Protein backbone atom coordinates (compact mmCIF):
# COMPACT_ATOMS: atom_id res chain seq x y z
CA ALA A 1 -10.92 27.27 105.19
CA LEU A 2 -13.89 26.87 102.75
CA PRO A 3 -14.51 29.48 100.49
CA PRO A 4 -17.30 31.77 102.32
CA PRO A 5 -20.59 31.51 100.25
CA ARG A 6 -21.90 34.43 97.66
CA PRO A 7 -24.96 36.17 97.58
CA THR A 8 -24.60 36.26 93.51
CA ILE A 9 -23.30 34.56 90.73
CA GLN A 10 -19.96 35.86 89.84
CA PRO A 11 -17.86 36.06 86.35
CA ASN A 12 -15.86 32.17 87.13
CA ASP A 13 -17.85 31.29 90.50
CA LEU A 14 -19.06 27.57 89.61
CA VAL A 15 -21.75 26.65 88.99
CA VAL A 16 -24.69 23.51 89.34
CA VAL A 17 -26.52 23.25 86.53
CA PHE A 18 -29.96 21.30 87.75
CA GLU A 19 -31.89 20.68 84.51
CA SER A 20 -34.35 18.29 86.07
CA PHE A 21 -33.56 15.87 89.26
CA ASN A 22 -31.40 12.84 86.86
CA ASP A 23 -29.54 15.44 84.95
CA LEU A 24 -26.82 18.20 86.42
CA ASN A 25 -24.53 19.63 84.90
CA PHE A 26 -21.75 22.37 85.80
CA VAL A 27 -20.41 25.62 84.49
CA TYR A 28 -17.65 28.54 84.82
CA ALA A 29 -20.07 31.59 84.59
CA THR A 30 -18.11 32.93 82.10
CA PRO A 31 -18.96 36.37 80.50
CA ASN A 32 -20.40 35.37 76.78
CA ALA A 33 -20.30 32.15 77.40
CA ILE A 34 -23.68 29.73 76.62
CA PHE A 35 -24.74 26.96 77.77
CA SER A 36 -26.98 24.80 75.54
CA ASN A 37 -29.15 21.55 75.68
CA ARG A 38 -32.81 20.09 74.99
CA ASN A 39 -34.19 22.73 76.92
CA GLY A 40 -32.67 25.81 75.05
CA HIS A 41 -30.05 27.83 74.86
CA PHE A 42 -28.91 29.35 78.30
CA HIS A 43 -26.55 32.74 78.60
CA HIS A 44 -23.94 33.24 81.39
CA ASN A 45 -24.64 37.27 80.90
CA ASP A 46 -28.12 35.66 82.64
CA PHE A 47 -26.35 34.02 84.99
CA LEU A 48 -24.21 36.68 86.98
CA GLY A 49 -25.59 38.95 89.88
CA LYS A 50 -28.42 36.22 90.10
CA PRO A 51 -28.72 34.63 94.04
CA PHE A 52 -28.25 30.84 93.76
CA GLY A 53 -30.69 28.77 93.37
CA CYS A 54 -32.50 30.93 90.93
CA LYS A 55 -34.60 30.02 87.79
CA ILE A 56 -33.28 30.78 84.46
CA ARG A 57 -35.26 30.75 81.43
CA SER A 58 -33.98 29.83 77.49
CA ARG A 59 -33.43 32.65 75.13
CA ASN A 60 -34.94 30.61 72.51
CA ASN A 61 -37.61 28.36 73.27
CA ALA A 62 -40.27 30.83 73.38
CA GLY A 63 -38.58 30.89 77.16
CA TYR A 64 -40.33 27.31 77.88
CA GLY A 65 -37.14 26.14 78.36
CA PHE A 66 -35.43 26.46 81.97
CA LEU A 67 -33.06 25.82 84.70
CA TYR A 68 -31.93 26.34 87.94
CA LEU A 69 -28.25 27.47 89.08
CA LEU A 70 -27.03 25.96 92.21
CA ARG A 71 -24.55 26.45 94.54
CA PRO A 72 -21.99 23.56 94.48
CA THR A 73 -21.99 21.06 97.48
CA PRO A 74 -19.78 18.13 97.68
CA GLU A 75 -23.05 16.19 96.47
CA LEU A 76 -24.39 18.07 94.08
CA TRP A 77 -20.25 17.77 92.76
CA MET A 78 -20.33 14.18 92.79
CA ARG A 79 -23.39 13.81 91.09
CA SER A 80 -22.70 16.77 88.38
CA LEU A 81 -19.14 15.82 87.11
CA PRO A 82 -18.23 13.91 84.67
CA HIS A 83 -17.56 10.03 86.00
CA ARG A 84 -13.55 9.54 85.03
CA THR A 85 -13.52 6.58 87.67
CA GLN A 86 -16.27 5.22 89.76
CA ILE A 87 -18.33 7.04 92.25
CA VAL A 88 -18.77 7.14 95.73
CA HIS A 89 -22.17 7.93 96.42
CA GLU A 90 -24.01 10.83 98.54
CA LEU A 91 -25.14 8.28 100.96
CA ASP A 92 -22.14 5.76 100.71
CA ALA A 93 -19.84 8.86 101.04
CA SER A 94 -21.90 10.09 104.39
CA MET A 95 -21.10 6.81 106.17
CA ILE A 96 -18.05 6.79 105.21
CA VAL A 97 -17.11 10.01 106.70
CA HIS A 98 -19.24 8.55 110.01
CA TYR A 99 -17.28 5.78 110.77
CA LEU A 100 -13.92 7.90 109.99
CA ASN A 101 -14.83 9.96 112.35
CA LEU A 102 -13.99 12.69 110.61
CA THR A 103 -13.66 16.16 112.33
CA PRO A 104 -12.37 20.00 111.59
CA ASN A 105 -9.04 20.05 111.43
CA MET A 106 -7.72 16.40 110.74
CA VAL A 107 -5.23 15.22 108.07
CA VAL A 108 -5.93 12.67 106.25
CA CYS A 109 -4.43 10.48 103.69
CA GLU A 110 -6.92 9.39 100.83
CA SER A 111 -5.39 6.04 98.26
CA GLY A 112 -6.77 6.78 94.63
CA THR A 113 -8.45 10.16 93.82
CA GLY A 114 -9.99 9.68 90.82
CA SER A 115 -12.66 12.33 89.96
CA GLY A 116 -12.23 13.88 93.58
CA ALA A 117 -15.95 13.18 94.12
CA MET A 118 -15.12 11.47 97.76
CA SER A 119 -12.70 14.20 98.10
CA HIS A 120 -14.81 17.19 98.26
CA VAL A 121 -17.10 15.33 101.17
CA ILE A 122 -13.39 14.83 102.65
CA LEU A 123 -12.34 18.77 102.30
CA ARG A 124 -15.87 20.06 103.70
CA SER A 125 -15.36 17.60 106.69
CA ILE A 126 -11.74 18.56 107.41
CA ALA A 127 -12.31 22.95 107.45
CA PRO A 128 -10.76 25.45 107.41
CA LYS A 129 -7.69 24.00 109.02
CA GLY A 130 -6.85 20.04 108.21
CA LYS A 131 -5.18 18.97 104.75
CA LEU A 132 -5.98 15.77 103.27
CA HIS A 133 -3.10 14.07 101.00
CA THR A 134 -4.62 12.76 97.92
CA TYR A 135 -2.33 9.63 95.89
CA GLU A 136 -3.44 9.04 92.05
CA PHE A 137 -1.27 6.95 90.22
CA ASN A 138 -3.19 8.42 86.63
CA LYS A 139 -1.30 11.19 85.68
CA VAL A 140 -4.03 13.22 83.78
CA ARG A 141 -6.15 12.84 86.12
CA VAL A 142 -3.99 14.39 89.39
CA GLU A 143 -3.67 16.81 86.82
CA LYS A 144 -6.92 17.63 86.53
CA ALA A 145 -8.03 17.27 90.51
CA ARG A 146 -5.41 19.95 90.96
CA ARG A 147 -7.42 22.17 89.21
CA GLU A 148 -10.97 21.80 90.18
CA PHE A 149 -9.72 21.70 93.30
CA VAL A 150 -7.28 25.41 92.97
CA GLY A 151 -10.73 26.19 90.74
CA HIS A 152 -12.94 25.76 93.76
CA GLY A 153 -11.01 28.08 95.89
CA LEU A 154 -10.17 23.99 98.06
CA GLY A 155 -6.02 24.02 97.02
CA HIS A 156 -4.74 24.95 100.44
CA LEU A 157 -6.14 22.05 102.22
CA VAL A 158 -5.66 19.44 99.24
CA GLN A 159 -2.24 17.95 98.36
CA VAL A 160 -2.75 15.80 95.19
CA HIS A 161 0.54 13.27 94.90
CA TRP A 162 1.25 11.19 91.97
CA ARG A 163 1.63 8.09 93.50
CA ASP A 164 0.40 4.59 92.97
CA VAL A 165 0.31 3.80 96.99
CA CYS A 166 0.30 0.19 96.00
CA GLY A 167 3.14 0.09 94.48
CA LYS A 168 2.20 -1.61 91.48
CA LYS A 169 2.37 1.60 88.85
CA LYS A 170 5.57 3.17 88.19
CA THR A 171 5.49 6.60 89.00
CA PRO A 172 8.15 8.84 89.25
CA ARG A 173 7.37 9.58 92.95
CA ASN A 174 7.96 6.23 93.79
CA GLY A 175 11.67 5.94 91.78
CA TRP A 176 11.22 3.31 89.51
CA HIS A 177 10.59 6.14 86.09
CA GLN A 178 14.27 5.54 84.80
CA ARG A 179 14.04 1.31 84.81
CA ARG A 180 10.31 1.33 82.86
CA LYS A 181 11.59 0.21 80.02
CA HIS A 182 13.86 -2.70 81.49
CA HIS A 183 10.48 -3.36 84.02
CA ARG A 184 7.88 -3.64 81.07
CA LEU A 185 10.50 -6.00 79.16
CA LEU A 186 10.95 -8.12 81.90
CA GLU A 187 7.26 -8.86 82.92
CA ARG A 188 6.69 -9.41 79.03
CA ARG A 189 9.88 -12.54 79.47
CA ASP A 190 7.84 -13.69 82.91
CA ASN A 191 4.76 -13.29 80.93
CA LEU A 192 5.84 -16.02 78.03
CA ARG A 193 7.41 -17.60 80.09
CA ARG A 194 3.72 -18.53 81.98
C-alpha cells in the first residue's frame, strides 16, 4: 500500500515547496538544514511538526518572504523534480492512465523510467498491491530512481531494471557487457565504410 499520509511534517519527509505557481521545488525535511531562495531563508526546523499546506515565513527579510509546504502527489512531484529527461505532463499522464485502464493491483511494464514522473502516476494507480516493472538503459538514472522510490515509500511496488528494451544500448542485463569494446570497434569500422 502507499504510505499513509501523516498530518504533520516529520524529519526526512518529502515536502513540495510551493514558491509560486510556476516555481515548485522539493526538500527532505532535515533538522538544522536551510532552504534558501529569492524569498529568503527557510529553516527546516520551522517545517517540522507543521501541517502540510501551511504557509511558512522566512527568518530574514523581516518575514516578508513566504512559501507553502505541500504534501507530495505525483502531479506536484512531476512539476518539482529536476528534469533528467522529457517529462510527461499531468494531463498527458492522466490520459495515459485512462487509456491503459490502470486499476489497483495490476502488474505494469514501463519502458523508459527517466525521471520517474510517469512511474509515480502509475504507482498511485496500481497501489496497494500492484507491481511496476520499469526499464531504463541509463545506469545513473536507474540508481537515482531506485533511491527516490524507496525514499518515497514506494519501493515495495516497483522494480527498476537496468536494461535497454530496444536492444540498442549495451547493458549487463542483455549480455553485451563482455563484448562491449569489440562491438564499438565493429560499429566504428562499419561507420567508416559508409
